[in-house]
């Protein structure tokens, strides 16, 4: 969790607000892949890609 706080501090300090949507999309895709890998949702996740 320290990596997320460091990233947030970096975004606030350097005023790199344009990176926020990119980070959020990558985070959501990662969560989707992890959760969809071994569950009954997997066939539906794979159709998205």
N, C-alpha and C. Protein backbone atom coordinates (compact mmCIF):
# COMPACT_ATOMS: atom_id res chain seq x y z
N UNK A 1 0.82 -1.20 0.00
CA UNK A 1 0.00 0.00 0.00
C UNK A 1 0.86 1.26 0.00
N UNK A 2 2.12 1.12 0.36
CA UNK A 2 2.99 2.28 0.37
C UNK A 2 3.24 2.80 -1.04
N UNK A 3 3.22 1.90 -2.01
CA UNK A 3 3.44 2.32 -3.40
C UNK A 3 2.31 3.25 -3.86
N UNK A 4 1.08 2.95 -3.46
CA UNK A 4 -0.05 3.80 -3.85
C UNK A 4 0.05 5.18 -3.20
N UNK A 5 0.46 5.21 -1.94
CA UNK A 5 0.58 6.51 -1.28
C UNK A 5 1.73 7.31 -1.89
N UNK A 6 2.83 6.63 -2.23
CA UNK A 6 3.93 7.33 -2.90
C UNK A 6 3.50 7.88 -4.25
N UNK A 7 2.75 7.09 -4.99
CA UNK A 7 2.26 7.55 -6.29
C UNK A 7 1.34 8.76 -6.14
N UNK A 8 0.46 8.71 -5.16
CA UNK A 8 -0.46 9.82 -4.92
C UNK A 8 0.31 11.08 -4.52
N UNK A 9 1.31 10.92 -3.66
CA UNK A 9 2.13 12.07 -3.26
C UNK A 9 2.88 12.66 -4.45
N UNK A 10 3.38 11.77 -5.32
CA UNK A 10 4.08 12.24 -6.52
C UNK A 10 3.14 13.04 -7.41
N UNK A 11 1.92 12.52 -7.61
CA UNK A 11 0.96 13.22 -8.46
C UNK A 11 0.60 14.59 -7.89
N UNK A 12 0.46 14.67 -6.58
CA UNK A 12 0.11 15.95 -5.97
C UNK A 12 1.28 16.93 -6.01
N UNK A 13 2.48 16.44 -5.75
CA UNK A 13 3.64 17.32 -5.68
C UNK A 13 4.05 17.85 -7.05
N UNK A 14 4.00 16.99 -8.05
CA UNK A 14 4.46 17.37 -9.39
C UNK A 14 3.35 17.90 -10.28
N UNK A 15 2.11 17.91 -9.78
CA UNK A 15 0.95 18.39 -10.54
C UNK A 15 0.77 17.62 -11.84
N UNK A 16 0.90 16.32 -11.77
CA UNK A 16 0.76 15.44 -12.93
C UNK A 16 -0.64 14.81 -12.94
N UNK A 17 -1.65 15.63 -12.94
CA UNK A 17 -3.02 15.13 -12.84
C UNK A 17 -3.46 14.38 -14.08
N UNK A 18 -2.77 14.56 -15.20
CA UNK A 18 -3.14 13.84 -16.42
C UNK A 18 -2.78 12.36 -16.31
N UNK A 19 -1.93 11.99 -15.36
CA UNK A 19 -1.58 10.58 -15.18
C UNK A 19 -2.65 9.81 -14.40
N UNK A 20 -3.51 10.51 -13.69
CA UNK A 20 -4.50 9.86 -12.84
C UNK A 20 -5.43 8.93 -13.62
N UNK A 21 -6.02 9.31 -14.75
CA UNK A 21 -6.88 8.37 -15.47
C UNK A 21 -6.13 7.14 -15.99
N UNK A 22 -4.88 7.33 -16.38
CA UNK A 22 -4.09 6.20 -16.87
C UNK A 22 -3.86 5.20 -15.75
N UNK A 23 -3.50 5.70 -14.57
CA UNK A 23 -3.24 4.83 -13.42
C UNK A 23 -4.52 4.11 -13.01
N UNK A 24 -5.64 4.81 -13.01
CA UNK A 24 -6.90 4.18 -12.62
C UNK A 24 -7.32 3.09 -13.60
N UNK A 25 -7.16 3.33 -14.88
CA UNK A 25 -7.53 2.32 -15.88
C UNK A 25 -6.63 1.10 -15.75
N UNK A 26 -5.34 1.30 -15.56
CA UNK A 26 -4.43 0.17 -15.39
C UNK A 26 -4.75 -0.62 -14.12
N UNK A 27 -5.10 0.07 -13.06
CA UNK A 27 -5.46 -0.58 -11.81
C UNK A 27 -6.75 -1.40 -11.98
N UNK A 28 -7.75 -0.83 -12.63
CA UNK A 28 -9.00 -1.56 -12.86
C UNK A 28 -8.80 -2.77 -13.77
N UNK A 29 -7.97 -2.65 -14.80
CA UNK A 29 -7.68 -3.79 -15.66
C UNK A 29 -6.96 -4.89 -14.90
N UNK A 30 -6.03 -4.51 -14.05
CA UNK A 30 -5.33 -5.50 -13.23
C UNK A 30 -6.26 -6.23 -12.29
N UNK A 31 -7.16 -5.51 -11.65
CA UNK A 31 -8.13 -6.13 -10.75
C UNK A 31 -9.06 -7.06 -11.53
N UNK A 32 -9.48 -6.63 -12.70
CA UNK A 32 -10.37 -7.44 -13.54
C UNK A 32 -9.69 -8.74 -13.96
N UNK A 33 -8.43 -8.66 -14.31
CA UNK A 33 -7.70 -9.86 -14.74
C UNK A 33 -7.49 -10.81 -13.56
N UNK A 34 -7.14 -10.28 -12.40
CA UNK A 34 -6.90 -11.12 -11.23
C UNK A 34 -8.18 -11.79 -10.78
N UNK A 35 -9.26 -11.05 -10.69
CA UNK A 35 -10.52 -11.62 -10.22
C UNK A 35 -11.16 -12.53 -11.27
N UNK A 36 -10.94 -12.25 -12.53
CA UNK A 36 -11.56 -13.04 -13.57
C UNK A 36 -10.77 -14.27 -13.97
N UNK A 37 -9.59 -14.44 -13.43
CA UNK A 37 -8.73 -15.55 -13.82
C UNK A 37 -9.23 -16.91 -13.36
N UNK A 38 -9.75 -17.00 -12.16
CA UNK A 38 -10.12 -18.30 -11.63
C UNK A 38 -11.56 -18.42 -11.20
N UNK A 39 -12.41 -17.59 -11.69
CA UNK A 39 -13.81 -17.64 -11.27
C UNK A 39 -14.71 -17.97 -12.45
N UNK A 40 -15.99 -18.01 -12.17
CA UNK A 40 -16.97 -18.29 -13.22
C UNK A 40 -17.14 -17.09 -14.15
N UNK A 41 -16.56 -15.97 -13.81
CA UNK A 41 -16.65 -14.77 -14.62
C UNK A 41 -15.62 -14.80 -15.76
N UNK A 42 -14.67 -15.72 -15.68
CA UNK A 42 -13.56 -15.77 -16.64
C UNK A 42 -13.99 -15.77 -18.11
N UNK A 43 -14.99 -16.55 -18.52
CA UNK A 43 -15.36 -16.51 -19.94
C UNK A 43 -15.86 -15.13 -20.39
N UNK A 44 -16.49 -14.40 -19.50
CA UNK A 44 -16.98 -13.08 -19.86
C UNK A 44 -15.84 -12.06 -19.91
N UNK A 45 -14.84 -12.22 -19.06
CA UNK A 45 -13.68 -11.33 -19.05
C UNK A 45 -12.88 -11.54 -20.33
N UNK A 46 -12.70 -12.79 -20.73
CA UNK A 46 -11.90 -13.08 -21.92
C UNK A 46 -12.56 -12.57 -23.20
N UNK A 47 -13.87 -12.44 -23.21
CA UNK A 47 -14.51 -11.91 -24.41
C UNK A 47 -14.26 -10.41 -24.57
N UNK A 48 -13.91 -9.73 -23.46
CA UNK A 48 -13.61 -8.31 -23.55
C UNK A 48 -12.28 -8.05 -24.26
N UNK A 49 -11.39 -9.01 -24.19
CA UNK A 49 -10.08 -8.85 -24.80
C UNK A 49 -10.01 -9.66 -26.05
